[in-house]
Amino acid sequence: MHKAVIDTNVFISGVLYGGNPQSIIEAWLNKKYTFCLSPELKSEIINKLQNKFFLPARAIQDIEEALDAKTEKYIPKKKLFVCKDATDNFVLELALEAQANYLISGDKLVLKLKQYNNTKILSPKDFLKLLES
């Protein structure tokens, strides 16, 4: 089974707006791939949904329970300085630690990398094509 890191922007878009990001979340919940998660990624997802998008407490609780129950957890050991935006490095650190096959992002600077070590960096659309093939 493919192992993937789903960047915060894709996860939040899937929760709030639908489209390809929502299909990626549905594929995860239907066990089409393994979602790799770190404490930092979980924290960023939950904090943004709570404090920036003001999701109701019940919705936050449901998302947190799914993240806790249906992901593989990793704590990255290596600090990276690869992305132009330093705040994006933690998803690469997670992908490296998890030996993820894919990092799914909507961030243009992250997507420009195309690959880091053995992790291919894909847009939501390209990842869905891969899952469907």
N, C-alpha and C. Protein backbone atom coordinates (compact mmCIF):
# COMPACT_ATOMS: atom_id res chain seq x y z
N MET A 1 0.85 -1.18 0.00
CA MET A 1 0.00 0.00 0.00
C MET A 1 0.89 1.24 0.00
N HIS A 2 0.47 2.27 -0.75
CA HIS A 2 1.22 3.52 -0.81
C HIS A 2 1.19 4.21 0.54
N LYS A 3 2.31 4.83 0.89
CA LYS A 3 2.38 5.67 2.08
C LYS A 3 2.47 7.12 1.61
N ALA A 4 1.63 7.98 2.18
CA ALA A 4 1.59 9.37 1.74
C ALA A 4 1.50 10.33 2.92
N VAL A 5 2.15 11.47 2.74
CA VAL A 5 2.00 12.60 3.65
C VAL A 5 1.08 13.59 2.94
N ILE A 6 0.03 13.99 3.62
CA ILE A 6 -0.92 14.96 3.06
C ILE A 6 -0.65 16.30 3.72
N ASP A 7 -0.21 17.26 2.93
CA ASP A 7 0.11 18.59 3.45
C ASP A 7 -1.15 19.24 4.02
N THR A 8 -0.95 20.12 4.98
CA THR A 8 -2.05 20.79 5.66
C THR A 8 -3.02 21.44 4.68
N ASN A 9 -2.50 22.12 3.67
CA ASN A 9 -3.37 22.85 2.73
C ASN A 9 -4.32 21.90 2.00
N VAL A 10 -3.86 20.72 1.66
CA VAL A 10 -4.71 19.74 0.97
C VAL A 10 -5.76 19.19 1.93
N PHE A 11 -5.35 18.85 3.14
CA PHE A 11 -6.29 18.29 4.11
C PHE A 11 -7.40 19.29 4.42
N ILE A 12 -7.02 20.53 4.69
CA ILE A 12 -8.02 21.55 5.02
C ILE A 12 -8.95 21.82 3.84
N SER A 13 -8.40 21.89 2.64
CA SER A 13 -9.24 22.07 1.45
C SER A 13 -10.23 20.92 1.31
N GLY A 14 -9.79 19.72 1.61
CA GLY A 14 -10.67 18.56 1.54
C GLY A 14 -11.80 18.62 2.54
N VAL A 15 -11.51 19.10 3.73
CA VAL A 15 -12.53 19.21 4.77
C VAL A 15 -13.52 20.33 4.44
N LEU A 16 -13.02 21.45 3.95
CA LEU A 16 -13.86 22.64 3.79
C LEU A 16 -14.48 22.83 2.41
N TYR A 17 -13.75 22.43 1.36
CA TYR A 17 -14.17 22.86 0.02
C TYR A 17 -14.49 21.74 -0.95
N GLY A 18 -14.11 20.52 -0.66
CA GLY A 18 -14.43 19.41 -1.56
C GLY A 18 -13.42 19.25 -2.68
N GLY A 19 -13.88 18.77 -3.83
CA GLY A 19 -13.02 18.58 -4.99
C GLY A 19 -12.00 17.47 -4.80
N ASN A 20 -10.88 17.59 -5.51
CA ASN A 20 -9.83 16.57 -5.43
C ASN A 20 -9.32 16.34 -4.01
N PRO A 21 -9.09 17.42 -3.23
CA PRO A 21 -8.65 17.18 -1.85
C PRO A 21 -9.64 16.35 -1.03
N GLN A 22 -10.93 16.58 -1.23
CA GLN A 22 -11.93 15.77 -0.51
C GLN A 22 -11.85 14.31 -0.96
N SER A 23 -11.64 14.09 -2.24
CA SER A 23 -11.50 12.71 -2.74
C SER A 23 -10.28 12.03 -2.13
N ILE A 24 -9.23 12.80 -1.87
CA ILE A 24 -8.03 12.24 -1.23
C ILE A 24 -8.34 11.83 0.20
N ILE A 25 -9.10 12.65 0.92
CA ILE A 25 -9.49 12.29 2.29
C ILE A 25 -10.38 11.04 2.27
N GLU A 26 -11.32 10.99 1.34
CA GLU A 26 -12.19 9.81 1.24
C GLU A 26 -11.39 8.56 0.92
N ALA A 27 -10.41 8.67 0.03
CA ALA A 27 -9.56 7.52 -0.30
C ALA A 27 -8.79 7.05 0.93
N TRP A 28 -8.32 7.99 1.75
CA TRP A 28 -7.62 7.64 3.00
C TRP A 28 -8.58 6.89 3.93
N LEU A 29 -9.77 7.44 4.12
CA LEU A 29 -10.73 6.81 5.03
C LEU A 29 -11.17 5.44 4.52
N ASN A 30 -11.11 5.24 3.21
CA ASN A 30 -11.44 3.95 2.60
C ASN A 30 -10.21 3.05 2.43
N LYS A 31 -9.12 3.43 3.08
CA LYS A 31 -7.89 2.62 3.15
C LYS A 31 -7.26 2.34 1.78
N LYS A 32 -7.29 3.34 0.90
CA LYS A 32 -6.65 3.20 -0.42
C LYS A 32 -5.15 3.51 -0.34
N TYR A 33 -4.74 4.16 0.75
CA TYR A 33 -3.33 4.45 1.01
C TYR A 33 -3.18 4.69 2.51
N THR A 34 -1.95 4.71 2.98
CA THR A 34 -1.66 4.97 4.38
C THR A 34 -1.26 6.43 4.55
N PHE A 35 -1.95 7.13 5.42
CA PHE A 35 -1.67 8.54 5.72
C PHE A 35 -0.63 8.56 6.84
N CYS A 36 0.53 9.15 6.58
CA CYS A 36 1.61 9.27 7.56
C CYS A 36 1.47 10.62 8.26
N LEU A 37 1.52 10.60 9.58
CA LEU A 37 1.24 11.80 10.38
C LEU A 37 2.31 11.99 11.45
N SER A 38 2.66 13.24 11.68
CA SER A 38 3.56 13.60 12.79
C SER A 38 2.76 14.48 13.76
N PRO A 39 3.24 14.62 14.99
CA PRO A 39 2.55 15.52 15.92
C PRO A 39 2.45 16.95 15.37
N GLU A 40 3.48 17.41 14.68
CA GLU A 40 3.47 18.78 14.14
C GLU A 40 2.42 18.95 13.05
N LEU A 41 2.28 17.96 12.17
CA LEU A 41 1.27 18.05 11.11
C LEU A 41 -0.13 17.99 11.71
N LYS A 42 -0.35 17.08 12.65
CA LYS A 42 -1.66 16.99 13.29
C LYS A 42 -2.01 18.31 13.98
N SER A 43 -1.05 18.87 14.70
CA SER A 43 -1.27 20.12 15.42
C SER A 43 -1.60 21.26 14.46
N GLU A 44 -0.87 21.34 13.35
CA GLU A 44 -1.14 22.41 12.38
C GLU A 44 -2.53 22.26 11.77
N ILE A 45 -2.91 21.05 11.41
CA ILE A 45 -4.25 20.82 10.84
C ILE A 45 -5.33 21.24 11.83
N ILE A 46 -5.25 20.73 13.05
CA ILE A 46 -6.28 21.01 14.06
C ILE A 46 -6.32 22.50 14.40
N ASN A 47 -5.14 23.11 14.62
CA ASN A 47 -5.11 24.54 14.97
C ASN A 47 -5.71 25.42 13.88
N LYS A 48 -5.40 25.13 12.62
CA LYS A 48 -5.96 25.95 11.54
C LYS A 48 -7.47 25.75 11.41
N LEU A 49 -7.92 24.51 11.53
CA LEU A 49 -9.37 24.28 11.44
C LEU A 49 -10.11 24.96 12.58
N GLN A 50 -9.50 24.99 13.77
CA GLN A 50 -10.12 25.62 14.94
C GLN A 50 -10.03 27.13 14.88
N ASN A 51 -8.82 27.64 14.71
CA ASN A 51 -8.56 29.06 14.94
C ASN A 51 -8.66 29.94 13.70
N LYS A 52 -8.49 29.36 12.52
CA LYS A 52 -8.59 30.15 11.29
C LYS A 52 -9.95 29.96 10.61
N PHE A 53 -10.46 28.73 10.66
CA PHE A 53 -11.72 28.44 9.97
C PHE A 53 -12.89 28.19 10.92
N PHE A 54 -12.63 28.19 12.23
CA PHE A 54 -13.67 28.13 13.26
C PHE A 54 -14.63 26.97 13.09
N LEU A 55 -14.08 25.79 12.80
CA LEU A 55 -14.92 24.60 12.72
C LEU A 55 -15.52 24.32 14.09
N PRO A 56 -16.74 23.81 14.15
CA PRO A 56 -17.36 23.49 15.44
C PRO A 56 -16.56 22.42 16.19
N ALA A 57 -16.65 22.47 17.51
CA ALA A 57 -15.88 21.56 18.36
C ALA A 57 -16.14 20.10 18.01
N ARG A 58 -17.38 19.75 17.70
CA ARG A 58 -17.72 18.35 17.37
C ARG A 58 -17.00 17.90 16.10
N ALA A 59 -16.95 18.77 15.10
CA ALA A 59 -16.26 18.44 13.85
C ALA A 59 -14.76 18.26 14.10
N ILE A 60 -14.20 19.14 14.91
CA ILE A 60 -12.77 19.04 15.26
C ILE A 60 -12.51 17.71 15.96
N GLN A 61 -13.38 17.35 16.90
CA GLN A 61 -13.22 16.10 17.63
C GLN A 61 -13.27 14.90 16.69
N ASP A 62 -14.20 14.91 15.74
CA ASP A 62 -14.31 13.81 14.77
C ASP A 62 -13.04 13.69 13.92
N ILE A 63 -12.53 14.83 13.47
CA ILE A 63 -11.31 14.83 12.65
C ILE A 63 -10.13 14.33 13.47
N GLU A 64 -10.03 14.82 14.71
CA GLU A 64 -8.93 14.39 15.58
C GLU A 64 -8.98 12.89 15.84
N GLU A 65 -10.18 12.36 16.07
CA GLU A 65 -10.33 10.92 16.31
C GLU A 65 -9.91 10.12 15.08
N ALA A 66 -10.29 10.59 13.89
CA ALA A 66 -9.89 9.89 12.65
C ALA A 66 -8.38 9.94 12.48
N LEU A 67 -7.78 11.10 12.73
CA LEU A 67 -6.32 11.22 12.62
C LEU A 67 -5.62 10.30 13.61
N ASP A 68 -6.16 10.20 14.81
CA ASP A 68 -5.55 9.33 15.83
C ASP A 68 -5.69 7.85 15.47
N ALA A 69 -6.84 7.47 14.93
CA ALA A 69 -7.14 6.05 14.72
C ALA A 69 -6.67 5.52 13.38
N LYS A 70 -6.59 6.36 12.37
CA LYS A 70 -6.43 5.85 11.01
C LYS A 70 -5.17 6.34 10.30
N THR A 71 -4.15 6.68 11.07
CA THR A 71 -2.89 7.13 10.46
C THR A 71 -1.73 6.35 11.07
N GLU A 72 -0.60 6.35 10.37
CA GLU A 72 0.66 5.85 10.94
C GLU A 72 1.39 7.06 11.50
N LYS A 73 1.83 6.95 12.74
CA LYS A 73 2.48 8.08 13.42
C LYS A 73 4.00 7.98 13.32
N TYR A 74 4.61 9.14 13.11
CA TYR A 74 6.07 9.24 13.03
C TYR A 74 6.52 10.51 13.74
N ILE A 75 7.70 10.44 14.33
CA ILE A 75 8.34 11.62 14.90
C ILE A 75 9.65 11.82 14.15
N PRO A 76 9.68 12.82 13.27
CA PRO A 76 10.90 13.04 12.48
C PRO A 76 12.10 13.32 13.37
N LYS A 77 13.22 12.71 13.02
CA LYS A 77 14.45 12.87 13.79
C LYS A 77 15.42 13.84 13.14
N LYS A 78 15.27 14.04 11.83
CA LYS A 78 16.21 14.86 11.09
C LYS A 78 15.58 16.19 10.71
N LYS A 79 16.30 17.29 10.98
CA LYS A 79 15.85 18.63 10.58
C LYS A 79 16.35 18.90 9.17
N LEU A 80 15.45 19.38 8.32
CA LEU A 80 15.80 19.70 6.94
C LEU A 80 15.69 21.20 6.69
N PHE A 81 16.46 21.65 5.74
CA PHE A 81 16.43 23.05 5.31
C PHE A 81 16.42 23.06 3.78
N VAL A 82 15.31 22.59 3.23
CA VAL A 82 15.20 22.37 1.79
C VAL A 82 14.27 23.39 1.14
N CYS A 83 13.15 23.68 1.77
CA CYS A 83 12.13 24.56 1.19
C CYS A 83 12.50 26.03 1.36
N LYS A 84 12.12 26.82 0.36
CA LYS A 84 12.34 28.27 0.45
C LYS A 84 11.57 28.84 1.64
N ASP A 85 10.36 28.34 1.86
CA ASP A 85 9.57 28.73 3.02
C ASP A 85 9.88 27.72 4.12
N ALA A 86 10.63 28.17 5.11
CA ALA A 86 11.12 27.26 6.17
C ALA A 86 9.98 26.54 6.89
N THR A 87 8.78 27.13 6.89
CA THR A 87 7.66 26.48 7.59
C THR A 87 7.17 25.24 6.86
N ASP A 88 7.64 25.02 5.64
CA ASP A 88 7.23 23.83 4.89
C ASP A 88 8.15 22.63 5.11
N ASN A 89 9.29 22.84 5.73
CA ASN A 89 10.26 21.75 5.88
C ASN A 89 9.74 20.57 6.69
N PHE A 90 8.83 20.83 7.64
CA PHE A 90 8.39 19.74 8.51
C PHE A 90 7.66 18.63 7.76
N VAL A 91 6.98 18.95 6.65
CA VAL A 91 6.32 17.88 5.89
C VAL A 91 7.35 17.01 5.16
N LEU A 92 8.44 17.62 4.72
CA LEU A 92 9.53 16.84 4.11
C LEU A 92 10.22 15.98 5.16
N GLU A 93 10.39 16.53 6.37
CA GLU A 93 10.99 15.75 7.46
C GLU A 93 10.14 14.52 7.76
N LEU A 94 8.83 14.71 7.78
CA LEU A 94 7.91 13.60 8.02
C LEU A 94 7.99 12.58 6.88
N ALA A 95 7.98 13.05 5.65
CA ALA A 95 8.06 12.15 4.49
C ALA A 95 9.34 11.32 4.54
N LEU A 96 10.44 11.96 4.92
CA LEU A 96 11.72 11.26 5.03
C LEU A 96 11.68 10.21 6.13
N GLU A 97 11.20 10.59 7.30
CA GLU A 97 11.12 9.66 8.43
C GLU A 97 10.21 8.47 8.13
N ALA A 98 9.08 8.75 7.50
CA ALA A 98 8.10 7.70 7.21
C ALA A 98 8.47 6.86 5.98
N GLN A 99 9.48 7.33 5.26
CA GLN A 99 9.82 6.71 3.97
C GLN A 99 8.57 6.66 3.09
N ALA A 100 7.87 7.80 3.07
CA ALA A 100 6.63 7.91 2.30
C ALA A 100 6.92 7.86 0.80
N ASN A 101 6.01 7.24 0.09
CA ASN A 101 6.12 7.20 -1.38
C ASN A 101 5.77 8.55 -1.98
N TYR A 102 4.82 9.25 -1.32
CA TYR A 102 4.29 10.49 -1.88
C TYR A 102 4.08 11.56 -0.81
N LEU A 103 4.29 12.80 -1.22
CA LEU A 103 3.90 13.97 -0.45
C LEU A 103 2.91 14.72 -1.34
N ILE A 104 1.71 14.94 -0.83
CA ILE A 104 0.65 15.58 -1.60
C ILE A 104 0.49 17.00 -1.09
N SER A 105 0.68 17.97 -1.98
CA SER A 105 0.64 19.37 -1.58
C SER A 105 0.00 20.22 -2.66
N GLY A 106 -0.55 21.34 -2.24
CA GLY A 106 -1.04 22.35 -3.16
C GLY A 106 -0.13 23.56 -3.17
N ASP A 107 0.93 23.52 -2.37
CA ASP A 107 1.88 24.62 -2.24
C ASP A 107 2.84 24.61 -3.43
N LYS A 108 2.83 25.69 -4.20
CA LYS A 108 3.65 25.75 -5.42
C LYS A 108 5.14 25.57 -5.13
N LEU A 109 5.62 26.13 -4.02
CA LEU A 109 7.05 26.01 -3.70
C LEU A 109 7.42 24.56 -3.36
N VAL A 110 6.53 23.86 -2.69
CA VAL A 110 6.78 22.45 -2.37
C VAL A 110 6.68 21.62 -3.65
N LEU A 111 5.67 21.87 -4.46
CA LEU A 111 5.48 21.11 -5.71
C LEU A 111 6.66 21.27 -6.66
N LYS A 112 7.31 22.45 -6.63
CA LYS A 112 8.47 22.70 -7.50
C LYS A 112 9.59 21.70 -7.26
N LEU A 113 9.68 21.18 -6.05
CA LEU A 113 10.75 20.22 -5.72
C LEU A 113 10.58 18.91 -6.52
N LYS A 114 9.35 18.54 -6.83
CA LYS A 114 9.00 17.32 -7.59
C LYS A 114 9.33 16.02 -6.88
N GLN A 115 10.46 15.98 -6.19
CA GLN A 115 10.85 14.77 -5.47
C GLN A 115 11.86 15.16 -4.40
N TYR A 116 11.79 14.46 -3.26
CA TYR A 116 12.82 14.61 -2.24
C TYR A 116 13.18 13.20 -1.78
N ASN A 117 14.45 12.85 -1.92
CA ASN A 117 14.90 11.48 -1.70
C ASN A 117 14.01 10.54 -2.52
N ASN A 118 13.35 9.60 -1.88
CA ASN A 118 12.51 8.65 -2.60
C ASN A 118 11.03 9.03 -2.60
N THR A 119 10.73 10.22 -2.12
CA THR A 119 9.34 10.68 -2.03
C THR A 119 9.00 11.57 -3.21
N LYS A 120 8.02 11.15 -4.00
CA LYS A 120 7.54 11.98 -5.11
C LYS A 120 6.55 13.00 -4.55
N ILE A 121 6.66 14.22 -5.03
CA ILE A 121 5.79 15.30 -4.57
C ILE A 121 4.76 15.58 -5.67
N LEU A 122 3.49 15.37 -5.32
CA LEU A 122 2.42 15.45 -6.31
C LEU A 122 1.32 16.42 -5.89
N SER A 123 0.62 16.95 -6.89
CA SER A 123 -0.59 17.72 -6.65
C SER A 123 -1.71 16.74 -6.29
N PRO A 124 -2.79 17.25 -5.69
CA PRO A 124 -3.92 16.36 -5.41
C PRO A 124 -4.44 15.66 -6.67
N LYS A 125 -4.54 16.38 -7.76
CA LYS A 125 -5.04 15.80 -9.02
C LYS A 125 -4.16 14.64 -9.48
N ASP A 126 -2.84 14.84 -9.45
CA ASP A 126 -1.92 13.79 -9.90
C ASP A 126 -1.94 12.57 -8.97
N PHE A 127 -2.09 12.81 -7.67
CA PHE A 127 -2.16 11.70 -6.72
C PHE A 127 -3.43 10.87 -6.95
N LEU A 128 -4.54 11.55 -7.21
CA LEU A 128 -5.78 10.82 -7.48
C LEU A 128 -5.67 9.98 -8.74
N LYS A 129 -5.04 10.53 -9.77
CA LYS A 129 -4.81 9.74 -11.00
C LYS A 129 -4.03 8.48 -10.67
N LEU A 130 -3.01 8.62 -9.85
CA LEU A 130 -2.18 7.48 -9.47
C LEU A 130 -3.00 6.44 -8.70
N LEU A 131 -3.84 6.90 -7.77
CA LEU A 131 -4.67 5.98 -7.00
C LEU A 131 -5.68 5.24 -7.87
N GLU A 132 -6.13 5.90 -8.91
CA GLU A 132 -7.14 5.31 -9.79
C GLU A 132 -6.54 4.35 -10.81
N SER A 133 -5.21 4.41 -11.00
CA SER A 133 -4.60 3.56 -12.03
C SER A 133 -4.32 2.15 -11.52
